[in-house]
């Protein structure tokens, strides 16, 4: 976002009929936002993972504060890349605030799975793929899924505070499916959580 300038002219008249003009200029900071390519990962229970490694924050004041929750299973809730060691699948919420008080939130889901003896089975259970388009959108979008067939796939939409907004279920997932979704939601950033019962993914999207 380009800097915004405007000029305010104040004209003072005195008994001498002289005038004085004061010019004020205001600069708006760059747009505050972020980019992230992946918001979920799968680990074996008891292991650790670093959160937020692909998060890029830009704009605003350039000075940021970080706050992660829940805090019980992460090393430091006030840094951008803490170490998480969840006992079960956990969705962490990161809130980033600049010095002007502007903020945004983003979810990271760590799927904690029991160890499997067969390494081939592990790889076959971690191939669920999801593409959400268009993004941004107006509340009407599609999700293309590919992966291991499942009895059902559950969609859950969270707002940027982690609150559940909508839920929807796909029954008898054959391994390839495109689901059309349409919701009446206010403008903002949302997270779509996809759970096949074997694997969980998260995809973030923006509603204009």
N, C-alpha and C. Protein backbone atom coordinates (compact mmCIF):
# COMPACT_ATOMS: atom_id res chain seq x y z
N UNK A 1 0.83 -1.18 0.00
CA UNK A 1 0.00 0.00 0.00
C UNK A 1 0.87 1.24 0.00
N UNK A 2 0.60 2.17 -0.88
CA UNK A 2 1.38 3.38 -0.95
C UNK A 2 1.08 4.29 0.23
N UNK A 3 2.08 5.13 0.56
CA UNK A 3 1.86 6.08 1.64
C UNK A 3 0.80 7.08 1.23
N UNK A 4 0.01 7.48 2.20
CA UNK A 4 -1.09 8.41 1.95
C UNK A 4 -0.72 9.78 2.48
N UNK A 5 -0.81 10.76 1.62
CA UNK A 5 -0.50 12.12 2.01
C UNK A 5 -1.74 12.98 1.84
N UNK A 6 -2.00 13.83 2.79
CA UNK A 6 -3.02 14.85 2.55
C UNK A 6 -2.56 16.14 3.21
N UNK A 7 -3.06 17.21 2.72
CA UNK A 7 -2.64 18.53 3.18
C UNK A 7 -3.83 19.27 3.77
N UNK A 8 -3.64 19.83 4.94
CA UNK A 8 -4.66 20.60 5.63
C UNK A 8 -4.19 22.05 5.69
N UNK A 9 -4.99 22.91 5.15
CA UNK A 9 -4.65 24.32 5.16
C UNK A 9 -5.44 25.03 6.25
N UNK A 10 -4.75 25.68 7.15
CA UNK A 10 -5.36 26.48 8.20
C UNK A 10 -5.04 27.94 7.92
N UNK A 11 -6.05 28.72 7.76
CA UNK A 11 -5.87 30.13 7.42
C UNK A 11 -6.30 30.98 8.61
N UNK A 12 -5.38 31.80 9.11
CA UNK A 12 -5.65 32.68 10.23
C UNK A 12 -5.69 34.12 9.73
N UNK A 13 -6.71 34.83 10.11
CA UNK A 13 -6.82 36.24 9.75
C UNK A 13 -6.60 37.08 11.01
N UNK A 14 -5.80 38.11 10.88
CA UNK A 14 -5.51 39.00 11.99
C UNK A 14 -6.04 40.39 11.66
N UNK A 15 -5.97 41.22 12.64
CA UNK A 15 -6.46 42.58 12.45
C UNK A 15 -5.71 43.31 11.32
N UNK A 16 -4.50 42.80 11.04
CA UNK A 16 -3.69 43.46 10.01
C UNK A 16 -4.05 42.95 8.61
N UNK A 17 -5.11 42.07 8.56
CA UNK A 17 -5.52 41.45 7.31
C UNK A 17 -4.47 40.51 6.73
N UNK A 18 -3.42 40.18 7.51
CA UNK A 18 -2.41 39.23 7.06
C UNK A 18 -2.93 37.81 7.26
N UNK A 19 -2.54 36.90 6.43
CA UNK A 19 -2.95 35.50 6.53
C UNK A 19 -1.74 34.60 6.66
N UNK A 20 -1.89 33.53 7.47
CA UNK A 20 -0.82 32.57 7.64
C UNK A 20 -1.37 31.17 7.34
N UNK A 21 -0.70 30.44 6.46
CA UNK A 21 -1.13 29.11 6.05
C UNK A 21 -0.20 28.06 6.66
N UNK A 22 -0.81 27.08 7.38
CA UNK A 22 -0.06 25.98 7.97
C UNK A 22 -0.39 24.71 7.19
N UNK A 23 0.62 24.00 6.70
CA UNK A 23 0.43 22.77 5.94
C UNK A 23 0.86 21.57 6.78
N UNK A 24 -0.06 20.60 6.93
CA UNK A 24 0.21 19.38 7.70
C UNK A 24 0.16 18.19 6.75
N UNK A 25 1.15 17.30 6.84
CA UNK A 25 1.18 16.08 6.01
C UNK A 25 1.20 14.86 6.92
N UNK A 26 0.40 13.86 6.57
CA UNK A 26 0.30 12.62 7.35
C UNK A 26 0.70 11.46 6.45
N UNK A 27 1.58 10.57 6.93
CA UNK A 27 2.02 9.40 6.18
C UNK A 27 1.42 8.14 6.80
N UNK A 28 0.73 7.36 5.98
CA UNK A 28 0.14 6.10 6.44
C UNK A 28 1.17 4.98 6.28
N UNK A 29 1.35 4.13 7.31
CA UNK A 29 2.34 3.04 7.23
C UNK A 29 1.93 2.01 6.19
N UNK A 30 2.87 1.18 5.73
CA UNK A 30 2.55 0.13 4.75
C UNK A 30 1.50 -0.83 5.30
N UNK A 31 0.76 -1.46 4.40
CA UNK A 31 -0.28 -2.40 4.78
C UNK A 31 0.30 -3.52 5.65
N UNK A 32 -0.37 -3.83 6.76
CA UNK A 32 0.07 -4.84 7.71
C UNK A 32 -0.54 -6.18 7.33
N UNK A 33 0.29 -7.19 7.10
CA UNK A 33 -0.24 -8.48 6.71
C UNK A 33 0.81 -9.58 6.79
N UNK A 34 0.51 -10.73 6.16
CA UNK A 34 1.41 -11.87 6.24
C UNK A 34 1.17 -12.79 5.05
N UNK A 35 2.11 -13.70 4.85
CA UNK A 35 1.94 -14.79 3.89
C UNK A 35 2.42 -16.07 4.55
N UNK A 36 1.77 -17.18 4.22
CA UNK A 36 2.14 -18.46 4.80
C UNK A 36 1.76 -19.55 3.81
N UNK A 37 2.61 -20.54 3.62
CA UNK A 37 2.35 -21.58 2.61
C UNK A 37 1.77 -22.86 3.21
N UNK A 38 2.05 -23.12 4.48
CA UNK A 38 1.55 -24.35 5.10
C UNK A 38 1.21 -24.11 6.55
N UNK A 39 0.04 -24.58 6.97
CA UNK A 39 -0.43 -24.34 8.33
C UNK A 39 -0.70 -25.63 9.10
N UNK A 40 -0.13 -26.73 8.63
CA UNK A 40 -0.34 -27.98 9.35
C UNK A 40 0.85 -28.90 9.12
N UNK A 41 1.05 -29.79 10.07
CA UNK A 41 2.11 -30.78 9.94
C UNK A 41 1.72 -31.99 10.78
N UNK A 42 2.34 -33.14 10.50
CA UNK A 42 2.05 -34.36 11.23
C UNK A 42 3.33 -34.88 11.87
N UNK A 43 3.25 -35.20 13.16
CA UNK A 43 4.40 -35.74 13.88
C UNK A 43 3.97 -36.99 14.65
N UNK A 44 4.95 -37.76 15.05
CA UNK A 44 4.69 -38.89 15.94
C UNK A 44 4.61 -38.35 17.37
N UNK A 45 3.66 -38.85 18.15
CA UNK A 45 3.50 -38.40 19.53
C UNK A 45 4.82 -38.51 20.30
N UNK A 46 5.13 -37.45 21.06
CA UNK A 46 6.36 -37.42 21.83
C UNK A 46 7.47 -36.65 21.15
N UNK A 47 7.32 -36.39 19.83
CA UNK A 47 8.31 -35.62 19.11
C UNK A 47 7.93 -34.14 19.07
N UNK A 48 8.87 -33.31 18.58
CA UNK A 48 8.66 -31.86 18.57
C UNK A 48 8.72 -31.32 17.15
N UNK A 49 8.19 -30.10 16.99
CA UNK A 49 8.23 -29.42 15.69
C UNK A 49 8.33 -27.92 15.95
N UNK A 50 9.02 -27.21 15.06
CA UNK A 50 9.12 -25.75 15.16
C UNK A 50 7.95 -25.13 14.43
N UNK A 51 7.23 -24.24 15.08
CA UNK A 51 6.06 -23.59 14.50
C UNK A 51 6.46 -22.33 13.72
N UNK A 52 5.66 -22.01 12.72
CA UNK A 52 5.77 -20.73 12.02
C UNK A 52 6.99 -20.56 11.16
N UNK A 53 7.60 -21.66 10.70
CA UNK A 53 8.85 -21.53 9.95
C UNK A 53 8.66 -20.88 8.58
N UNK A 54 7.45 -20.98 8.00
CA UNK A 54 7.21 -20.40 6.68
C UNK A 54 6.35 -19.13 6.74
N UNK A 55 6.20 -18.56 7.93
CA UNK A 55 5.41 -17.33 8.08
C UNK A 55 6.26 -16.10 7.77
N UNK A 56 5.73 -15.23 6.94
CA UNK A 56 6.39 -13.96 6.63
C UNK A 56 5.43 -12.83 7.01
N UNK A 57 5.87 -11.96 7.91
CA UNK A 57 5.08 -10.81 8.34
C UNK A 57 5.63 -9.56 7.66
N UNK A 58 4.75 -8.70 7.18
CA UNK A 58 5.21 -7.50 6.50
C UNK A 58 4.33 -6.31 6.84
N UNK A 59 4.88 -5.11 6.59
CA UNK A 59 4.10 -3.88 6.75
C UNK A 59 3.93 -3.44 8.19
N UNK A 60 2.92 -2.60 8.40
CA UNK A 60 2.66 -2.05 9.73
C UNK A 60 3.82 -1.20 10.20
N UNK A 61 4.09 -1.27 11.50
CA UNK A 61 5.15 -0.46 12.09
C UNK A 61 6.53 -1.07 11.85
N UNK A 62 6.58 -2.35 11.49
CA UNK A 62 7.86 -3.04 11.36
C UNK A 62 8.38 -3.60 12.67
N UNK A 63 7.67 -3.32 13.76
CA UNK A 63 8.01 -3.85 15.09
C UNK A 63 6.84 -4.69 15.56
N UNK A 64 7.07 -6.00 15.79
CA UNK A 64 5.98 -6.92 16.04
C UNK A 64 6.12 -7.64 17.39
N UNK A 65 4.98 -7.94 17.97
CA UNK A 65 4.91 -8.78 19.17
C UNK A 65 4.15 -10.05 18.81
N UNK A 66 4.60 -11.19 19.36
CA UNK A 66 4.01 -12.47 19.02
C UNK A 66 3.40 -13.10 20.28
N UNK A 67 2.24 -13.75 20.08
CA UNK A 67 1.57 -14.41 21.20
C UNK A 67 0.94 -15.70 20.71
N UNK A 68 1.43 -16.85 21.23
CA UNK A 68 0.90 -18.16 20.87
C UNK A 68 -0.01 -18.68 21.96
N UNK A 69 -1.03 -19.42 21.57
CA UNK A 69 -1.88 -20.13 22.53
C UNK A 69 -2.40 -21.41 21.87
N UNK A 70 -2.64 -22.47 22.64
CA UNK A 70 -2.36 -22.61 24.07
C UNK A 70 -0.85 -22.67 24.32
N UNK A 71 -0.48 -22.31 25.54
CA UNK A 71 0.95 -22.17 25.86
C UNK A 71 1.57 -23.39 26.51
N UNK A 72 0.75 -24.36 26.95
CA UNK A 72 1.24 -25.46 27.79
C UNK A 72 2.29 -26.33 27.10
N UNK A 73 2.20 -26.50 25.78
CA UNK A 73 3.09 -27.46 25.11
C UNK A 73 4.05 -26.78 24.14
N UNK A 74 4.31 -25.48 24.31
CA UNK A 74 5.29 -24.80 23.47
C UNK A 74 6.38 -24.18 24.34
N UNK A 75 7.56 -24.00 23.74
CA UNK A 75 8.74 -23.58 24.51
C UNK A 75 8.66 -22.13 24.96
N UNK A 76 8.13 -21.24 24.11
CA UNK A 76 8.07 -19.81 24.43
C UNK A 76 6.94 -19.21 23.61
N UNK A 77 5.91 -18.69 24.29
CA UNK A 77 4.73 -18.18 23.59
C UNK A 77 4.91 -16.79 23.01
N UNK A 78 6.08 -16.16 23.21
CA UNK A 78 6.28 -14.77 22.80
C UNK A 78 7.27 -14.63 21.65
N UNK A 79 7.70 -15.75 21.03
CA UNK A 79 8.61 -15.66 19.90
C UNK A 79 7.91 -16.19 18.66
N UNK A 80 8.43 -15.86 17.49
CA UNK A 80 7.75 -16.23 16.24
C UNK A 80 7.89 -17.71 15.93
N UNK A 81 8.97 -18.36 16.36
CA UNK A 81 9.20 -19.78 16.03
C UNK A 81 9.46 -20.62 17.27
N UNK A 82 8.45 -20.85 18.11
CA UNK A 82 8.66 -21.71 19.28
C UNK A 82 8.67 -23.19 18.89
N UNK A 83 9.13 -24.02 19.81
CA UNK A 83 9.10 -25.47 19.63
C UNK A 83 7.85 -26.02 20.29
N UNK A 84 7.07 -26.80 19.54
CA UNK A 84 5.84 -27.39 20.08
C UNK A 84 6.02 -28.89 20.26
N UNK A 85 5.52 -29.40 21.40
CA UNK A 85 5.57 -30.83 21.69
C UNK A 85 4.20 -31.25 22.21
N UNK A 86 3.20 -31.30 21.34
CA UNK A 86 1.85 -31.63 21.80
C UNK A 86 1.68 -33.12 22.07
N UNK A 87 0.87 -33.43 23.07
CA UNK A 87 0.57 -34.83 23.38
C UNK A 87 -0.49 -35.39 22.45
N UNK A 88 -1.35 -34.52 21.94
CA UNK A 88 -2.39 -34.90 21.00
C UNK A 88 -2.46 -33.83 19.92
N UNK A 89 -3.25 -34.08 18.89
CA UNK A 89 -3.41 -33.10 17.82
C UNK A 89 -3.88 -31.77 18.41
N UNK A 90 -3.17 -30.70 18.07
CA UNK A 90 -3.45 -29.39 18.66
C UNK A 90 -3.41 -28.31 17.58
N UNK A 91 -4.37 -27.40 17.64
CA UNK A 91 -4.34 -26.22 16.77
C UNK A 91 -3.87 -25.04 17.59
N UNK A 92 -2.72 -24.48 17.22
CA UNK A 92 -2.15 -23.34 17.90
C UNK A 92 -2.58 -22.05 17.19
N UNK A 93 -2.84 -21.02 17.96
CA UNK A 93 -3.23 -19.72 17.41
C UNK A 93 -2.12 -18.71 17.68
N UNK A 94 -1.59 -18.13 16.61
CA UNK A 94 -0.57 -17.08 16.72
C UNK A 94 -1.21 -15.74 16.42
N UNK A 95 -1.06 -14.79 17.34
CA UNK A 95 -1.53 -13.41 17.13
C UNK A 95 -0.31 -12.51 17.03
N UNK A 96 -0.23 -11.74 15.95
CA UNK A 96 0.87 -10.82 15.71
C UNK A 96 0.32 -9.39 15.81
N UNK A 97 0.97 -8.56 16.63
CA UNK A 97 0.53 -7.18 16.85
C UNK A 97 1.70 -6.24 16.60
N UNK A 98 1.43 -5.14 15.88
CA UNK A 98 2.50 -4.16 15.70
C UNK A 98 2.36 -3.06 16.75
N UNK A 99 3.27 -2.09 16.76
CA UNK A 99 3.28 -1.09 17.84
C UNK A 99 2.12 -0.11 17.75
N UNK A 100 1.40 -0.10 16.61
CA UNK A 100 0.23 0.76 16.47
C UNK A 100 -1.03 0.08 17.00
N UNK A 101 -0.91 -1.19 17.43
CA UNK A 101 -2.06 -1.92 17.95
C UNK A 101 -2.80 -2.72 16.90
N UNK A 102 -2.35 -2.70 15.63
CA UNK A 102 -2.98 -3.51 14.59
C UNK A 102 -2.53 -4.97 14.77
N UNK A 103 -3.42 -5.92 14.46
CA UNK A 103 -3.07 -7.32 14.69
C UNK A 103 -3.78 -8.23 13.69
N UNK A 104 -3.27 -9.44 13.56
CA UNK A 104 -3.93 -10.51 12.82
C UNK A 104 -3.60 -11.81 13.52
N UNK A 105 -4.37 -12.87 13.20
CA UNK A 105 -4.14 -14.18 13.81
C UNK A 105 -4.08 -15.24 12.73
N UNK A 106 -3.29 -16.27 12.99
CA UNK A 106 -3.16 -17.38 12.05
C UNK A 106 -3.06 -18.68 12.83
N UNK A 107 -3.70 -19.74 12.31
CA UNK A 107 -3.70 -21.04 12.99
C UNK A 107 -2.64 -21.97 12.43
N UNK A 108 -2.04 -22.78 13.31
CA UNK A 108 -1.13 -23.86 12.93
C UNK A 108 -1.62 -25.13 13.61
N UNK A 109 -1.87 -26.18 12.83
CA UNK A 109 -2.32 -27.45 13.40
C UNK A 109 -1.19 -28.47 13.37
N UNK A 110 -0.91 -29.05 14.54
CA UNK A 110 0.08 -30.12 14.64
C UNK A 110 -0.69 -31.41 14.92
N UNK A 111 -0.64 -32.33 13.97
CA UNK A 111 -1.32 -33.61 14.11
C UNK A 111 -0.38 -34.61 14.77
N UNK A 112 -0.74 -35.05 15.98
CA UNK A 112 0.10 -36.00 16.73
C UNK A 112 -0.47 -37.40 16.56
N UNK A 113 0.29 -38.24 15.88
CA UNK A 113 -0.17 -39.59 15.58
C UNK A 113 0.62 -40.63 16.37
N UNK A 114 -0.04 -41.76 16.65
CA UNK A 114 0.67 -42.87 17.28
C UNK A 114 1.69 -43.46 16.32
N UNK A 115 2.84 -43.92 16.81
CA UNK A 115 3.85 -44.52 15.92
C UNK A 115 3.33 -45.78 15.27
N UNK A 116 3.67 -45.96 14.00
CA UNK A 116 3.26 -47.14 13.26
C UNK A 116 4.51 -47.97 12.92
N UNK A 117 4.39 -49.27 13.03
CA UNK A 117 5.54 -50.14 12.77
C UNK A 117 5.88 -50.17 11.29
N UNK A 118 4.86 -50.21 10.43
CA UNK A 118 5.06 -50.32 8.99
C UNK A 118 5.31 -48.95 8.39
N UNK A 119 6.54 -48.67 7.94
CA UNK A 119 6.87 -47.36 7.40
C UNK A 119 6.12 -47.08 6.11
N UNK A 120 5.79 -48.15 5.33
CA UNK A 120 5.02 -47.95 4.11
C UNK A 120 3.62 -47.45 4.42
N UNK A 121 3.06 -47.93 5.54
CA UNK A 121 1.74 -47.49 5.95
C UNK A 121 1.76 -46.03 6.36
N UNK A 122 2.85 -45.60 7.01
CA UNK A 122 2.97 -44.20 7.40
C UNK A 122 2.91 -43.29 6.17
N UNK A 123 3.69 -43.64 5.14
CA UNK A 123 3.72 -42.78 3.96
C UNK A 123 2.40 -42.77 3.24
N UNK A 124 1.68 -43.92 3.22
CA UNK A 124 0.40 -43.97 2.53
C UNK A 124 -0.67 -43.18 3.25
N UNK A 125 -0.50 -42.94 4.56
CA UNK A 125 -1.49 -42.22 5.33
C UNK A 125 -1.22 -40.71 5.36
N UNK A 126 -0.20 -40.27 4.68
CA UNK A 126 0.13 -38.86 4.74
C UNK A 126 0.13 -38.22 3.36
N UNK A 127 -0.82 -38.65 2.49
CA UNK A 127 -0.83 -38.10 1.15
C UNK A 127 -2.10 -37.33 0.83
N UNK A 128 -2.90 -36.96 1.83
CA UNK A 128 -4.07 -36.13 1.59
C UNK A 128 -3.64 -34.75 1.12
N UNK A 129 -4.19 -34.34 0.00
CA UNK A 129 -3.88 -33.03 -0.56
C UNK A 129 -5.17 -32.23 -0.72
N UNK A 130 -5.08 -30.93 -0.49
CA UNK A 130 -6.26 -30.07 -0.60
C UNK A 130 -5.87 -28.75 -1.26
N UNK A 131 -6.67 -28.35 -2.24
CA UNK A 131 -6.49 -27.06 -2.90
C UNK A 131 -7.78 -26.27 -2.80
N UNK A 132 -7.68 -25.05 -2.23
CA UNK A 132 -8.84 -24.19 -2.05
C UNK A 132 -8.78 -23.06 -3.08
N UNK A 133 -9.86 -22.85 -3.84
CA UNK A 133 -9.85 -21.81 -4.86
C UNK A 133 -11.28 -21.32 -5.12
N UNK A 134 -11.47 -20.05 -5.53
CA UNK A 134 -10.44 -19.01 -5.55
C UNK A 134 -10.14 -18.53 -4.14
N UNK A 135 -9.01 -17.89 -3.99
CA UNK A 135 -8.60 -17.35 -2.68
C UNK A 135 -7.75 -16.11 -2.91
N UNK A 136 -8.27 -14.92 -2.53
CA UNK A 136 -9.48 -14.61 -1.77
C UNK A 136 -10.77 -14.92 -2.56
N UNK A 137 -11.90 -14.88 -1.80
CA UNK A 137 -13.20 -15.12 -2.42
C UNK A 137 -14.28 -14.34 -1.68
N UNK A 138 -15.52 -14.49 -2.14
CA UNK A 138 -16.64 -13.77 -1.53
C UNK A 138 -17.50 -14.67 -0.64
N UNK A 139 -16.95 -15.81 -0.23
CA UNK A 139 -17.69 -16.78 0.57
C UNK A 139 -18.13 -17.98 -0.24
N UNK A 140 -17.90 -17.92 -1.56
CA UNK A 140 -18.21 -19.05 -2.45
C UNK A 140 -16.90 -19.54 -3.04
N UNK A 141 -16.55 -20.82 -2.76
CA UNK A 141 -15.28 -21.35 -3.23
C UNK A 141 -15.37 -22.87 -3.34
N UNK A 142 -14.31 -23.49 -3.87
CA UNK A 142 -14.25 -24.93 -4.03
C UNK A 142 -13.02 -25.48 -3.33
N UNK A 143 -13.11 -26.75 -2.91
CA UNK A 143 -11.97 -27.44 -2.32
C UNK A 143 -11.79 -28.75 -3.07
N UNK A 144 -10.61 -28.91 -3.69
CA UNK A 144 -10.29 -30.15 -4.40
C UNK A 144 -9.45 -31.04 -3.49
N UNK A 145 -9.92 -32.26 -3.26
CA UNK A 145 -9.25 -33.21 -2.38
C UNK A 145 -8.75 -34.41 -3.17
N UNK A 146 -7.56 -34.88 -2.84
CA UNK A 146 -7.04 -36.15 -3.34
C UNK A 146 -6.36 -36.86 -2.18
N UNK A 147 -6.44 -38.20 -2.15
CA UNK A 147 -5.80 -38.93 -1.07
C UNK A 147 -6.38 -40.31 -0.89
N UNK A 148 -6.11 -40.90 0.25
CA UNK A 148 -6.61 -42.24 0.58
C UNK A 148 -8.12 -42.19 0.78
N UNK A 149 -8.90 -43.07 0.15
CA UNK A 149 -10.36 -43.09 0.36
C UNK A 149 -10.71 -43.20 1.84
N UNK A 150 -11.80 -42.57 2.22
CA UNK A 150 -12.23 -42.56 3.62
C UNK A 150 -13.75 -42.58 3.69
N UNK A 151 -14.26 -43.09 4.80
CA UNK A 151 -15.71 -43.14 5.00
C UNK A 151 -16.31 -41.75 4.99
N UNK A 152 -15.59 -40.79 5.55
CA UNK A 152 -16.07 -39.41 5.52
C UNK A 152 -14.89 -38.45 5.70
N UNK A 153 -15.09 -37.23 5.23
CA UNK A 153 -14.13 -36.14 5.43
C UNK A 153 -14.91 -34.97 6.02
N UNK A 154 -14.41 -34.45 7.12
CA UNK A 154 -15.11 -33.37 7.81
C UNK A 154 -14.40 -32.03 7.57
N UNK A 155 -15.19 -31.02 7.21
CA UNK A 155 -14.71 -29.65 7.05
C UNK A 155 -15.15 -28.84 8.26
N UNK A 156 -14.22 -28.09 8.84
CA UNK A 156 -14.55 -27.17 9.93
C UNK A 156 -13.91 -25.83 9.63
N UNK A 157 -14.70 -24.76 9.69
CA UNK A 157 -14.19 -23.42 9.42
C UNK A 157 -14.06 -22.66 10.73
N UNK A 158 -12.86 -22.09 10.96
CA UNK A 158 -12.58 -21.28 12.15
C UNK A 158 -12.39 -19.82 11.73
N UNK A 159 -12.80 -18.89 12.60
CA UNK A 159 -12.44 -17.49 12.35
C UNK A 159 -11.04 -17.24 12.90
N UNK A 160 -10.57 -15.98 12.84
CA UNK A 160 -9.18 -15.71 13.22
C UNK A 160 -8.95 -15.72 14.73
N UNK A 161 -10.00 -15.99 15.53
CA UNK A 161 -9.83 -16.16 16.98
C UNK A 161 -9.81 -17.63 17.37
N UNK A 162 -10.02 -18.54 16.38
CA UNK A 162 -10.07 -19.96 16.67
C UNK A 162 -11.47 -20.48 16.94
N UNK A 163 -12.50 -19.62 16.80
CA UNK A 163 -13.89 -20.02 17.05
C UNK A 163 -14.43 -20.78 15.84
N UNK A 164 -15.14 -21.89 16.10
CA UNK A 164 -15.76 -22.66 15.02
C UNK A 164 -16.94 -21.88 14.46
N UNK A 165 -16.94 -21.68 13.14
CA UNK A 165 -18.00 -20.92 12.47
C UNK A 165 -18.96 -21.83 11.73
N UNK A 166 -18.42 -22.77 10.95
CA UNK A 166 -19.25 -23.66 10.14
C UNK A 166 -18.63 -25.06 10.14
N UNK A 167 -19.49 -26.09 9.89
CA UNK A 167 -19.02 -27.47 9.75
C UNK A 167 -19.78 -28.13 8.60
N UNK A 168 -19.10 -29.02 7.88
CA UNK A 168 -19.72 -29.73 6.77
C UNK A 168 -19.01 -31.06 6.59
N UNK A 169 -19.74 -32.11 6.18
CA UNK A 169 -19.17 -33.45 6.05
C UNK A 169 -19.36 -33.98 4.64
N UNK A 170 -18.28 -34.57 4.09
CA UNK A 170 -18.34 -35.30 2.82
C UNK A 170 -18.36 -36.79 3.15
N UNK A 171 -19.36 -37.51 2.69
CA UNK A 171 -19.47 -38.93 2.97
C UNK A 171 -18.93 -39.74 1.79
N UNK A 172 -18.32 -40.89 2.10
CA UNK A 172 -17.81 -41.82 1.09
C UNK A 172 -16.81 -41.15 0.15
N UNK A 173 -15.75 -40.60 0.72
CA UNK A 173 -14.69 -39.98 -0.06
C UNK A 173 -13.95 -41.07 -0.85
N UNK A 174 -13.93 -40.97 -2.18
CA UNK A 174 -13.39 -42.02 -3.04
C UNK A 174 -11.89 -41.88 -3.30
N UNK A 175 -11.32 -40.75 -2.90
CA UNK A 175 -9.90 -40.50 -3.16
C UNK A 175 -9.68 -39.28 -4.03
N UNK A 176 -10.71 -38.89 -4.80
CA UNK A 176 -10.68 -37.66 -5.60
C UNK A 176 -12.05 -37.02 -5.51
N UNK A 177 -12.08 -35.77 -5.09
CA UNK A 177 -13.39 -35.11 -4.91
C UNK A 177 -13.19 -33.60 -4.92
N UNK A 178 -14.12 -32.89 -5.55
CA UNK A 178 -14.15 -31.43 -5.49
C UNK A 178 -15.47 -30.99 -4.87
N UNK A 179 -15.39 -30.29 -3.76
CA UNK A 179 -16.56 -29.86 -3.01
C UNK A 179 -16.75 -28.36 -3.19
N UNK A 180 -17.98 -27.96 -3.56
CA UNK A 180 -18.33 -26.54 -3.67
C UNK A 180 -18.92 -26.08 -2.34
N UNK A 181 -18.40 -24.98 -1.82
CA UNK A 181 -18.84 -24.45 -0.54
C UNK A 181 -19.32 -23.01 -0.72
N UNK A 182 -20.34 -22.65 0.04
CA UNK A 182 -20.83 -21.28 0.01
C UNK A 182 -21.35 -20.92 1.39
N UNK A 183 -20.76 -19.87 1.98
CA UNK A 183 -21.13 -19.45 3.32
C UNK A 183 -21.33 -17.94 3.34
N UNK A 184 -22.25 -17.50 4.17
CA UNK A 184 -22.45 -16.07 4.40
C UNK A 184 -21.57 -15.66 5.58
N UNK A 185 -20.37 -15.16 5.28
CA UNK A 185 -19.42 -14.78 6.31
C UNK A 185 -18.96 -13.34 6.09
N UNK A 186 -18.66 -12.66 7.17
CA UNK A 186 -18.17 -11.28 7.07
C UNK A 186 -16.74 -11.31 6.54
N UNK A 187 -16.28 -10.19 6.01
CA UNK A 187 -14.93 -10.09 5.47
C UNK A 187 -13.90 -10.41 6.56
N UNK A 188 -12.85 -11.13 6.18
CA UNK A 188 -11.81 -11.45 7.15
C UNK A 188 -11.02 -12.67 6.73
N UNK A 189 -10.16 -13.13 7.64
CA UNK A 189 -9.30 -14.29 7.41
C UNK A 189 -9.89 -15.49 8.15
N UNK A 190 -10.03 -16.62 7.46
CA UNK A 190 -10.61 -17.82 8.04
C UNK A 190 -9.68 -19.02 7.78
N UNK A 191 -9.88 -20.08 8.55
CA UNK A 191 -9.11 -21.31 8.37
C UNK A 191 -10.06 -22.47 8.15
N UNK A 192 -9.82 -23.25 7.10
CA UNK A 192 -10.58 -24.45 6.82
C UNK A 192 -9.77 -25.66 7.30
N UNK A 193 -10.31 -26.40 8.26
CA UNK A 193 -9.67 -27.61 8.77
C UNK A 193 -10.32 -28.82 8.09
N UNK A 194 -9.52 -29.71 7.55
CA UNK A 194 -10.00 -30.88 6.80
C UNK A 194 -9.51 -32.14 7.51
N UNK A 195 -10.44 -32.99 7.95
CA UNK A 195 -10.09 -34.19 8.71
C UNK A 195 -10.69 -35.42 8.03
N UNK A 196 -9.80 -36.32 7.57
CA UNK A 196 -10.26 -37.54 6.91
C UNK A 196 -10.35 -38.73 7.87
N UNK A 197 -10.02 -38.50 9.13
CA UNK A 197 -9.95 -39.59 10.10
C UNK A 197 -8.59 -40.24 10.13
N UNK A 198 -7.80 -40.04 9.07
CA UNK A 198 -6.43 -40.54 9.00
C UNK A 198 -5.45 -39.39 9.09
N UNK A 199 -5.81 -38.28 8.45
CA UNK A 199 -4.92 -37.13 8.38
C UNK A 199 -5.73 -35.85 8.45
N UNK A 200 -5.13 -34.80 8.99
CA UNK A 200 -5.78 -33.50 9.11
C UNK A 200 -4.95 -32.43 8.42
N UNK A 201 -5.60 -31.59 7.63
CA UNK A 201 -4.95 -30.48 6.95
C UNK A 201 -5.66 -29.19 7.30
N UNK A 202 -4.95 -28.08 7.14
CA UNK A 202 -5.55 -26.76 7.32
C UNK A 202 -5.21 -25.87 6.13
N UNK A 203 -6.18 -25.11 5.67
CA UNK A 203 -5.96 -24.16 4.59
C UNK A 203 -6.60 -22.83 4.98
N UNK A 204 -5.83 -21.76 4.89
CA UNK A 204 -6.35 -20.45 5.25
C UNK A 204 -6.86 -19.73 3.99
N UNK A 205 -7.95 -18.97 4.16
CA UNK A 205 -8.50 -18.22 3.03
C UNK A 205 -9.03 -16.88 3.51
N UNK A 206 -9.22 -15.99 2.54
CA UNK A 206 -9.66 -14.63 2.84
C UNK A 206 -11.00 -14.38 2.15
N UNK A 207 -11.94 -13.80 2.90
CA UNK A 207 -13.22 -13.38 2.32
C UNK A 207 -13.20 -11.85 2.23
N UNK A 208 -13.41 -11.36 1.03
CA UNK A 208 -13.42 -9.91 0.81
C UNK A 208 -14.77 -9.31 1.21
